[in-house]
Amino acid sequence: MSKTIRKTIVCVMIVALVFAFSMIGFVACNKNQTPANEEPAVQPVNVDPITITDMIGRQVTVKPGTYKRVVCVGAGALRMYSYVGDMTLLCGVEDIDNETRANRPKMFDGAARPYQLAYKDLLNSISDSCGVGGPQAQTAEAEKILLCNPDIVISEYEDVEKENALQAALGGNVPVITVKYGPRTVFDNNVLNSLTMLGKIFNRKSRAAVLVSYIKQQMQEISDRTANIPEDQKKSVYICGLGNWGTTNHLMTARSNYAPFEIAHIKNAITLTGPGAPQAEIEEEALVAISDDIDIMIFDSAAIRNIKPLSDKNKTVLEGIKAWQEGEVYIEMPQYAYYVNLELALVNTWWIAKVVYPELFADIDMTEKTNEVTYAFFGKELAAEIFACPNSFGGYQRIENPSQFFGQ
């Protein structure tokens, strides 16, 4: 790890601890220490139960720091837990997260899921299944969860009736805690509050505070660097290929109110209104109408395999786009793979800002930044593993000849 990365994380950790506990602490981020998200939780001797409000408003009784057997179900639940919790407490995982299970859902194979890369061996070693997982799994499988014998369940099924029914099916004594994502991905208050809640439940308040502070610091730095760009000097950028349930035409999928654009003060080429906003498929005519105004195109790498067949069908449309003609086409890492890769959403924001404002981000090396962010989230540098995934196409890059690249 470079000195720049180490200093950045150390500073953020110190600020978070001072803020959270009104005391000065020192956190050294080096590989010889236990990674922050694997720090041993404080084990209280006698714990009184408390009532917390989970992320969908349910009142749930918990005993902080006492849990020994954890199950995570629903899109993104295990990812969220991995940022704060002790992964060795898992007593079951969904099939989608264990590569040794023959009948597991495979729709995300090839797309980087950093939590799965960080804990692959551990996840593959867990024999008990708490459900199939994947986009088709719209309800938790209570019978499979019971067989795992958990003492707490972290869930992302954002439905009060379903969560209450699951808790009842587990006997009423196993708390079911709902976490929640949001449209602003890693910058969303739902995410930050979910992390804080998990820190409280598992007696990892300092770990959660450090990570939340790091995310806020990164967001503020990007915003500060780009705060003084005059409106008439802002380039128009089109983001496409972001995953969305039911989306088939990723080429014609646009996103407005896109958090990375807002944070980095970037002009969005598309403004959506009506049903489907802030993300929806757009008509071909709408893309053609703004083709001369699109200075830069950003493609999410997870969707490129779906976009390639569409590129030939829409060849005339693409070749008419200014950014396509000028080779101002770029690839970001997968933002969605079994819900939001929150750490990659953060790295993607740095990348997009660097693409649009290269002179303001000349000091940012994307491999170093990726390693810094994944270390902050997992205690592991994962750039090499992320970039090596088939659907990462080697990592962050400019596609100077998009017709050739997408035509392959």
Protein backbone atom coordinates (compact mmCIF):
# COMPACT_ATOMS: atom_id res chain seq x y z
CA MET A 1 0.00 0.00 0.00
CA SER A 2 1.36 3.42 -0.93
CA LYS A 3 2.04 6.15 1.65
CA THR A 4 -0.73 8.27 0.10
CA ILE A 5 -3.33 5.53 0.58
CA ARG A 6 -2.18 4.77 4.11
CA LYS A 7 -2.23 8.43 5.14
CA THR A 8 -5.72 8.98 3.69
CA ILE A 9 -7.28 6.10 5.58
CA VAL A 10 -5.44 6.86 8.82
CA CYS A 11 -6.63 10.48 8.80
CA VAL A 12 -10.23 9.46 8.17
CA MET A 13 -10.15 6.89 10.94
CA ILE A 14 -8.76 9.38 13.46
CA VAL A 15 -11.40 11.98 12.60
CA ALA A 16 -14.19 9.41 12.88
CA LEU A 17 -13.08 8.16 16.26
CA VAL A 18 -12.68 11.66 17.67
CA PHE A 19 -16.08 12.64 16.40
CA ALA A 20 -17.83 9.50 17.62
CA PHE A 21 -16.29 9.17 21.04
CA SER A 22 -14.86 12.63 21.87
CA MET A 23 -11.43 11.14 22.34
CA ILE A 24 -8.26 10.99 20.30
CA GLY A 25 -7.38 7.58 18.86
CA PHE A 26 -4.84 6.37 16.45
CA VAL A 27 -5.61 3.76 13.81
CA ALA A 28 -2.75 2.41 11.74
CA CYS A 29 -3.81 0.80 8.49
CA ASN A 30 -1.14 -1.72 7.63
CA LYS A 31 -1.36 -5.30 6.57
CA ASN A 32 0.23 -6.63 9.76
CA GLN A 33 -2.79 -5.56 11.79
CA THR A 34 -6.26 -7.06 11.93
CA PRO A 35 -8.32 -5.35 9.20
CA ALA A 36 -10.80 -2.85 10.57
CA ASN A 37 -13.91 -4.82 9.61
CA GLU A 38 -12.50 -7.97 11.24
CA GLU A 39 -11.67 -6.39 14.58
CA PRO A 40 -12.93 -8.51 17.47
CA ALA A 41 -16.26 -7.25 18.74
CA VAL A 42 -16.42 -6.35 22.42
CA GLN A 43 -18.18 -9.20 24.18
CA PRO A 44 -20.27 -7.85 27.06
CA VAL A 45 -20.78 -10.01 30.15
CA ASN A 46 -24.37 -9.06 30.87
CA VAL A 47 -26.44 -7.39 28.19
CA ASP A 48 -29.87 -5.93 28.64
CA PRO A 49 -32.11 -6.13 25.58
CA ILE A 50 -32.80 -2.91 23.72
CA THR A 51 -35.33 -2.02 21.07
CA ILE A 52 -34.08 -0.65 17.78
CA THR A 53 -35.92 0.63 14.73
CA ASP A 54 -34.69 -1.09 11.61
CA MET A 55 -34.51 0.52 8.18
CA ILE A 56 -38.16 -0.10 7.29
CA GLY A 57 -39.51 1.18 10.60
CA ARG A 58 -39.92 -2.13 12.46
CA GLN A 59 -39.35 -2.21 16.21
CA VAL A 60 -37.05 -5.14 16.98
CA THR A 61 -35.57 -6.24 20.30
CA VAL A 62 -31.85 -7.11 20.23
CA LYS A 63 -29.00 -7.84 22.66
CA PRO A 64 -25.99 -5.99 21.19
CA GLY A 65 -22.76 -7.92 20.83
CA THR A 66 -24.16 -11.30 21.86
CA TYR A 67 -24.75 -12.92 18.49
CA LYS A 68 -22.72 -15.96 17.42
CA ARG A 69 -24.61 -17.32 14.39
CA VAL A 70 -25.53 -14.91 11.61
CA VAL A 71 -27.51 -15.37 8.40
CA CYS A 72 -27.92 -12.71 5.69
CA VAL A 73 -30.71 -12.98 3.12
CA GLY A 74 -31.90 -10.84 0.23
CA ALA A 75 -30.08 -8.77 -2.37
CA GLY A 76 -27.19 -6.89 -0.82
CA ALA A 77 -27.71 -8.04 2.79
CA LEU A 78 -24.48 -10.06 3.01
CA ARG A 79 -22.54 -7.29 1.28
CA MET A 80 -23.78 -4.72 3.80
CA TYR A 81 -22.94 -7.01 6.72
CA SER A 82 -19.46 -7.72 5.34
CA TYR A 83 -18.52 -4.05 5.68
CA VAL A 84 -19.06 -4.04 9.45
CA GLY A 85 -19.65 -7.53 10.83
CA ASP A 86 -17.49 -10.54 11.67
CA MET A 87 -17.77 -12.83 8.65
CA THR A 88 -16.66 -15.86 10.68
CA LEU A 89 -20.02 -15.74 12.48
CA LEU A 90 -21.91 -16.72 9.32
CA CYS A 91 -23.69 -20.05 9.78
CA GLY A 92 -25.26 -20.17 6.32
CA VAL A 93 -25.08 -18.33 3.00
CA GLU A 94 -27.31 -18.06 -0.02
CA ASP A 95 -26.46 -20.32 -2.95
CA ILE A 96 -25.57 -17.34 -5.13
CA ASP A 97 -22.64 -16.53 -2.80
CA ASN A 98 -21.15 -20.05 -2.66
CA GLU A 99 -19.43 -20.98 -5.92
CA THR A 100 -19.30 -24.69 -5.04
CA ARG A 101 -23.07 -25.16 -5.29
CA ALA A 102 -23.96 -26.56 -8.69
CA ASN A 103 -27.48 -25.13 -8.98
CA ARG A 104 -26.74 -21.65 -7.71
CA PRO A 105 -27.89 -18.60 -9.74
CA LYS A 106 -25.10 -17.64 -12.14
CA MET A 107 -26.38 -14.44 -13.75
CA PHE A 108 -23.73 -12.36 -12.00
CA ASP A 109 -20.79 -14.61 -12.78
CA GLY A 110 -18.09 -12.57 -14.48
CA ALA A 111 -19.13 -9.31 -12.85
CA ALA A 112 -17.08 -8.24 -9.85
CA ARG A 113 -18.70 -8.46 -6.44
CA PRO A 114 -15.89 -7.30 -4.15
CA TYR A 115 -17.39 -8.76 -0.96
CA GLN A 116 -17.44 -12.15 -2.67
CA LEU A 117 -13.86 -11.69 -3.89
CA ALA A 118 -12.72 -10.64 -0.42
CA TYR A 119 -14.28 -13.63 1.34
CA LYS A 120 -14.51 -16.24 -1.42
CA ASP A 121 -12.79 -19.05 0.47
CA LEU A 122 -14.83 -18.48 3.60
CA LEU A 123 -18.13 -18.28 1.71
CA ASN A 124 -17.32 -21.41 -0.31
CA SER A 125 -16.55 -23.29 2.91
CA ILE A 126 -20.00 -22.72 4.42
CA SER A 127 -22.05 -25.80 3.62
CA ASP A 128 -25.45 -24.73 4.92
CA SER A 129 -27.76 -22.85 2.56
CA CYS A 130 -30.12 -20.16 3.86
CA GLY A 131 -31.80 -19.83 0.44
CA VAL A 132 -31.16 -19.65 -3.27
CA GLY A 133 -30.70 -15.89 -3.51
CA GLY A 134 -30.59 -13.87 -6.69
CA PRO A 135 -33.18 -11.62 -8.33
CA GLN A 136 -35.75 -14.42 -8.58
CA ALA A 137 -35.78 -14.96 -4.81
CA GLN A 138 -38.46 -12.51 -3.79
CA THR A 139 -39.20 -14.08 -0.40
CA ALA A 140 -36.92 -15.44 2.31
CA GLU A 141 -36.89 -19.24 2.62
CA ALA A 142 -37.76 -19.70 6.28
CA GLU A 143 -37.30 -23.49 6.33
CA LYS A 144 -33.73 -23.27 5.03
CA ILE A 145 -32.94 -20.43 7.42
CA LEU A 146 -34.21 -22.50 10.36
CA LEU A 147 -31.89 -25.36 9.40
CA CYS A 148 -28.94 -22.95 9.70
CA ASN A 149 -29.95 -22.30 13.33
CA PRO A 150 -29.11 -18.57 13.38
CA ASP A 151 -29.51 -16.35 16.42
CA ILE A 152 -29.99 -13.26 14.20
CA VAL A 153 -30.96 -12.61 10.58
CA ILE A 154 -29.89 -9.62 8.51
CA SER A 155 -32.33 -9.12 5.65
CA GLU A 156 -32.84 -6.84 2.69
CA TYR A 157 -36.45 -7.77 1.98
CA GLU A 158 -37.91 -4.30 2.39
CA ASP A 159 -41.43 -5.45 3.20
CA VAL A 160 -42.78 -5.14 6.74
CA GLU A 161 -45.27 -8.00 6.39
CA LYS A 162 -42.66 -10.36 4.93
CA GLU A 163 -40.12 -9.51 7.61
CA ASN A 164 -42.64 -9.93 10.42
CA ALA A 165 -43.76 -13.24 8.93
CA LEU A 166 -40.16 -14.45 8.72
CA GLN A 167 -39.47 -13.52 12.33
CA ALA A 168 -42.62 -15.35 13.41
CA ALA A 169 -41.65 -18.41 11.36
CA LEU A 170 -38.28 -18.48 13.14
CA GLY A 171 -40.06 -18.74 16.47
CA GLY A 172 -40.14 -15.08 17.43
CA ASN A 173 -36.88 -15.24 19.38
CA VAL A 174 -34.55 -14.69 16.42
CA PRO A 175 -34.49 -11.00 15.50
CA VAL A 176 -34.84 -10.19 11.81
CA ILE A 177 -33.14 -6.88 11.05
CA THR A 178 -33.79 -5.10 7.76
CA VAL A 179 -31.07 -3.06 6.10
CA LYS A 180 -31.74 -0.78 3.17
CA TYR A 181 -30.04 0.68 0.12
CA GLY A 182 -31.13 3.80 -1.78
CA PRO A 183 -30.98 5.66 -5.11
CA ARG A 184 -27.82 7.56 -4.11
CA THR A 185 -26.01 4.22 -3.66
CA VAL A 186 -23.00 4.53 -1.35
CA PHE A 187 -23.86 8.16 -0.56
CA ASP A 188 -27.45 7.38 0.44
CA ASN A 189 -28.49 8.00 4.03
CA ASN A 190 -30.20 4.60 4.04
CA VAL A 191 -26.80 3.00 3.51
CA LEU A 192 -25.01 5.13 6.09
CA ASN A 193 -27.75 4.53 8.64
CA SER A 194 -27.75 0.79 7.92
CA LEU A 195 -24.01 0.62 8.60
CA THR A 196 -24.45 2.55 11.85
CA MET A 197 -27.29 0.25 12.91
CA LEU A 198 -25.21 -2.88 12.26
CA GLY A 199 -22.35 -1.38 14.25
CA LYS A 200 -24.68 -0.94 17.20
CA ILE A 201 -26.15 -4.44 16.98
CA PHE A 202 -22.79 -6.22 16.72
CA ASN A 203 -20.86 -3.95 19.11
CA ARG A 204 -18.81 -2.50 16.27
CA LYS A 205 -19.76 1.12 16.62
CA SER A 206 -16.24 2.39 16.03
CA ARG A 207 -15.85 0.32 12.87
CA ALA A 208 -19.14 1.65 11.49
CA ALA A 209 -18.24 5.23 12.44
CA VAL A 210 -14.88 4.97 10.69
CA LEU A 211 -16.43 3.68 7.46
CA VAL A 212 -19.28 6.20 7.45
CA SER A 213 -16.80 9.02 8.05
CA TYR A 214 -14.56 7.74 5.26
CA ILE A 215 -17.45 7.71 2.78
CA LYS A 216 -18.46 11.24 3.74
CA GLN A 217 -14.87 12.48 3.51
CA GLN A 218 -14.44 10.98 0.04
CA MET A 219 -17.70 12.52 -1.14
CA GLN A 220 -16.70 15.92 0.22
CA GLU A 221 -13.27 15.82 -1.41
CA ILE A 222 -14.71 15.06 -4.84
CA SER A 223 -17.29 17.80 -4.42
CA ASP A 224 -14.72 20.34 -3.25
CA ARG A 225 -12.39 19.65 -6.17
CA THR A 226 -15.14 20.33 -8.71
CA ALA A 227 -17.13 23.02 -6.92
CA ASN A 228 -16.01 25.99 -9.00
CA ILE A 229 -16.57 24.75 -12.55
CA PRO A 230 -18.56 27.36 -14.53
CA GLU A 231 -21.76 26.00 -16.02
CA ASP A 232 -20.73 26.87 -19.56
CA GLN A 233 -17.56 24.80 -19.17
CA LYS A 234 -19.25 21.62 -17.99
CA LYS A 235 -19.21 18.70 -20.40
CA SER A 236 -22.38 16.76 -21.11
CA VAL A 237 -22.10 13.11 -20.03
CA TYR A 238 -24.32 10.11 -20.80
CA ILE A 239 -24.24 7.17 -18.38
CA CYS A 240 -25.69 3.91 -19.65
CA GLY A 241 -25.59 0.22 -18.88
CA LEU A 242 -26.56 0.57 -15.23
CA GLY A 243 -28.41 -2.52 -14.09
CA ASN A 244 -32.08 -2.36 -13.26
CA TRP A 245 -34.59 -5.14 -12.60
CA GLY A 246 -36.39 -5.97 -15.85
CA THR A 247 -34.06 -3.93 -18.05
CA THR A 248 -33.10 -5.61 -21.32
CA ASN A 249 -31.92 -2.70 -23.46
CA HIS A 250 -29.01 -1.41 -21.41
CA LEU A 251 -27.89 0.78 -24.29
CA MET A 252 -31.06 2.84 -24.11
CA THR A 253 -31.21 2.93 -20.32
CA ALA A 254 -30.56 6.40 -18.93
CA ARG A 255 -30.15 7.72 -15.42
CA SER A 256 -30.99 11.18 -14.16
CA ASN A 257 -30.37 12.51 -10.64
CA TYR A 258 -27.25 10.34 -10.76
CA ALA A 259 -25.39 10.83 -7.47
CA PRO A 260 -21.82 10.71 -8.89
CA PHE A 261 -22.75 13.44 -11.38
CA GLU A 262 -24.31 15.59 -8.68
CA ILE A 263 -21.38 15.19 -6.30
CA ALA A 264 -18.78 15.89 -9.00
CA HIS A 265 -20.81 18.75 -10.52
CA ILE A 266 -21.19 17.01 -13.87
CA LYS A 267 -23.83 17.87 -16.45
CA ASN A 268 -26.12 14.92 -17.15
CA ALA A 269 -27.00 14.57 -20.83
CA ILE A 270 -30.37 13.06 -19.93
CA THR A 271 -33.10 14.35 -17.65
CA LEU A 272 -35.87 11.85 -17.07
CA THR A 273 -39.41 12.65 -16.02
CA GLY A 274 -42.49 10.57 -15.42
CA PRO A 275 -42.75 6.80 -14.75
CA GLY A 276 -39.44 5.03 -14.27
CA ALA A 277 -37.47 8.12 -13.29
CA PRO A 278 -34.71 8.48 -12.17
CA GLN A 279 -33.76 5.39 -14.21
CA ALA A 280 -35.62 4.18 -17.26
CA GLU A 281 -35.32 3.02 -20.82
CA ILE A 282 -35.51 5.85 -23.33
CA GLU A 283 -36.70 5.91 -26.91
CA GLU A 284 -34.11 5.78 -29.66
CA GLU A 285 -35.35 9.14 -30.91
CA ALA A 286 -34.55 10.74 -27.55
CA LEU A 287 -30.94 9.58 -27.77
CA VAL A 288 -30.62 10.71 -31.38
CA ALA A 289 -31.98 14.14 -30.45
CA ILE A 290 -29.10 14.80 -28.04
CA SER A 291 -26.37 12.94 -29.93
CA ASP A 292 -24.53 16.13 -30.92
CA ASP A 293 -24.47 17.30 -27.30
CA ILE A 294 -23.00 14.17 -25.68
CA ASP A 295 -19.36 14.93 -24.97
CA ILE A 296 -18.60 11.77 -23.00
CA MET A 297 -20.21 8.32 -22.72
CA ILE A 298 -19.73 6.12 -19.66
CA PHE A 299 -20.58 2.42 -19.94
CA ASP A 300 -21.01 0.23 -16.88
CA SER A 301 -18.87 -2.84 -17.52
CA ALA A 302 -21.43 -5.31 -16.15
CA ALA A 303 -23.78 -4.53 -19.04
CA ILE A 304 -21.27 -4.55 -21.89
CA ARG A 305 -21.97 -8.19 -22.74
CA ASN A 306 -25.63 -7.20 -23.22
CA ILE A 307 -24.77 -4.00 -25.06
CA LYS A 308 -22.46 -5.59 -27.63
CA PRO A 309 -25.29 -7.36 -29.54
CA LEU A 310 -27.27 -4.12 -29.45
CA SER A 311 -24.40 -2.05 -30.83
CA ASP A 312 -24.69 -3.61 -34.28
CA LYS A 313 -28.46 -3.21 -34.31
CA ASN A 314 -28.11 0.43 -33.27
CA LYS A 315 -24.96 1.12 -35.27
CA THR A 316 -26.33 4.22 -36.97
CA VAL A 317 -27.50 5.69 -33.67
CA LEU A 318 -24.18 5.11 -31.94
CA GLU A 319 -22.04 6.39 -34.79
CA GLY A 320 -24.06 9.59 -34.76
CA ILE A 321 -23.14 10.38 -31.15
CA LYS A 322 -20.41 12.99 -30.78
CA ALA A 323 -18.61 11.13 -27.98
CA TRP A 324 -18.61 7.92 -30.01
CA GLN A 325 -17.12 9.67 -33.01
CA GLU A 326 -14.38 11.31 -30.94
CA GLY A 327 -13.49 8.23 -28.92
CA GLU A 328 -14.67 9.77 -25.66
CA VAL A 329 -16.11 6.47 -24.44
CA TYR A 330 -15.13 5.06 -21.05
CA ILE A 331 -15.76 1.99 -18.90
CA GLU A 332 -16.57 2.02 -15.20
CA MET A 333 -16.59 -1.05 -12.95
CA PRO A 334 -19.85 -2.91 -12.19
CA GLN A 335 -22.07 -0.77 -10.03
CA TYR A 336 -24.79 -3.42 -9.81
CA ALA A 337 -24.23 -7.14 -9.23
CA TYR A 338 -26.80 -8.60 -6.83
CA TYR A 339 -27.64 -5.03 -5.86
CA VAL A 340 -25.18 -2.17 -5.46
CA ASN A 341 -21.44 -2.69 -5.14
CA LEU A 342 -21.18 0.24 -2.74
CA GLU A 343 -17.39 0.39 -2.70
CA LEU A 344 -17.29 0.35 -6.52
CA ALA A 345 -19.96 3.05 -6.65
CA LEU A 346 -17.50 5.19 -4.69
CA VAL A 347 -14.52 4.33 -6.90
CA ASN A 348 -16.66 4.91 -10.00
CA THR A 349 -17.40 8.42 -8.78
CA TRP A 350 -13.67 9.16 -8.61
CA TRP A 351 -13.23 7.69 -12.10
CA ILE A 352 -16.05 9.66 -13.68
CA ALA A 353 -14.77 12.87 -12.09
CA LYS A 354 -11.27 12.12 -13.38
CA VAL A 355 -12.60 11.45 -16.90
CA VAL A 356 -14.59 14.67 -17.04
CA TYR A 357 -12.08 16.88 -15.22
CA PRO A 358 -8.67 15.25 -15.86
CA GLU A 359 -6.69 18.30 -14.81
CA LEU A 360 -8.38 18.36 -11.40
CA PHE A 361 -7.75 14.67 -10.76
CA ALA A 362 -4.34 14.21 -12.35
CA ASP A 363 -2.99 12.95 -9.02
CA ILE A 364 -5.49 10.09 -8.85
CA ASP A 365 -4.28 6.68 -9.99
CA MET A 366 -7.28 4.38 -10.37
CA THR A 367 -5.50 1.23 -9.25
CA GLU A 368 -4.31 2.98 -6.10
CA LYS A 369 -7.74 4.51 -5.47
CA THR A 370 -9.46 1.15 -5.95
CA ASN A 371 -7.06 -0.46 -3.48
CA GLU A 372 -7.56 2.38 -1.01
CA VAL A 373 -11.34 2.11 -1.11
CA THR A 374 -11.49 -1.68 -0.91
CA TYR A 375 -9.05 -1.59 2.00
CA ALA A 376 -11.31 0.89 3.77
CA PHE A 377 -14.34 -1.36 3.20
CA PHE A 378 -12.79 -4.83 3.61
CA GLY A 379 -9.27 -4.45 4.96
CA LYS A 380 -8.02 -5.90 1.66
CA GLU A 381 -6.64 -4.42 -1.55
CA LEU A 382 -8.75 -5.90 -4.34
CA ALA A 383 -7.96 -3.90 -7.48
CA ALA A 384 -6.17 -6.78 -9.20
CA GLU A 385 -8.99 -9.23 -8.49
CA ILE A 386 -11.69 -6.76 -9.57
CA PHE A 387 -9.95 -5.85 -12.82
CA ALA A 388 -9.32 -9.54 -13.59
CA CYS A 389 -13.03 -10.40 -13.60
CA PRO A 390 -14.19 -11.17 -17.17
CA ASN A 391 -16.79 -8.42 -17.21
CA SER A 392 -14.31 -5.81 -15.97
CA PHE A 393 -12.42 -5.92 -19.27
CA GLY A 394 -9.16 -5.15 -17.52
CA GLY A 395 -10.33 -2.22 -15.41
CA TYR A 396 -11.02 1.48 -15.80
CA GLN A 397 -10.20 2.59 -19.32
CA ARG A 398 -10.94 4.72 -22.33
CA ILE A 399 -12.25 3.00 -25.46
CA GLU A 400 -10.68 5.02 -28.25
CA ASN A 401 -12.27 2.91 -30.99
CA PRO A 402 -15.71 2.01 -29.63
CA SER A 403 -16.99 0.60 -32.94
CA GLN A 404 -14.19 -1.94 -32.93
CA PHE A 405 -14.50 -2.73 -29.21
CA PHE A 406 -18.26 -3.24 -29.20
CA GLY A 407 -18.18 -4.98 -32.57
CA GLN A 408 -15.92 -7.77 -31.34
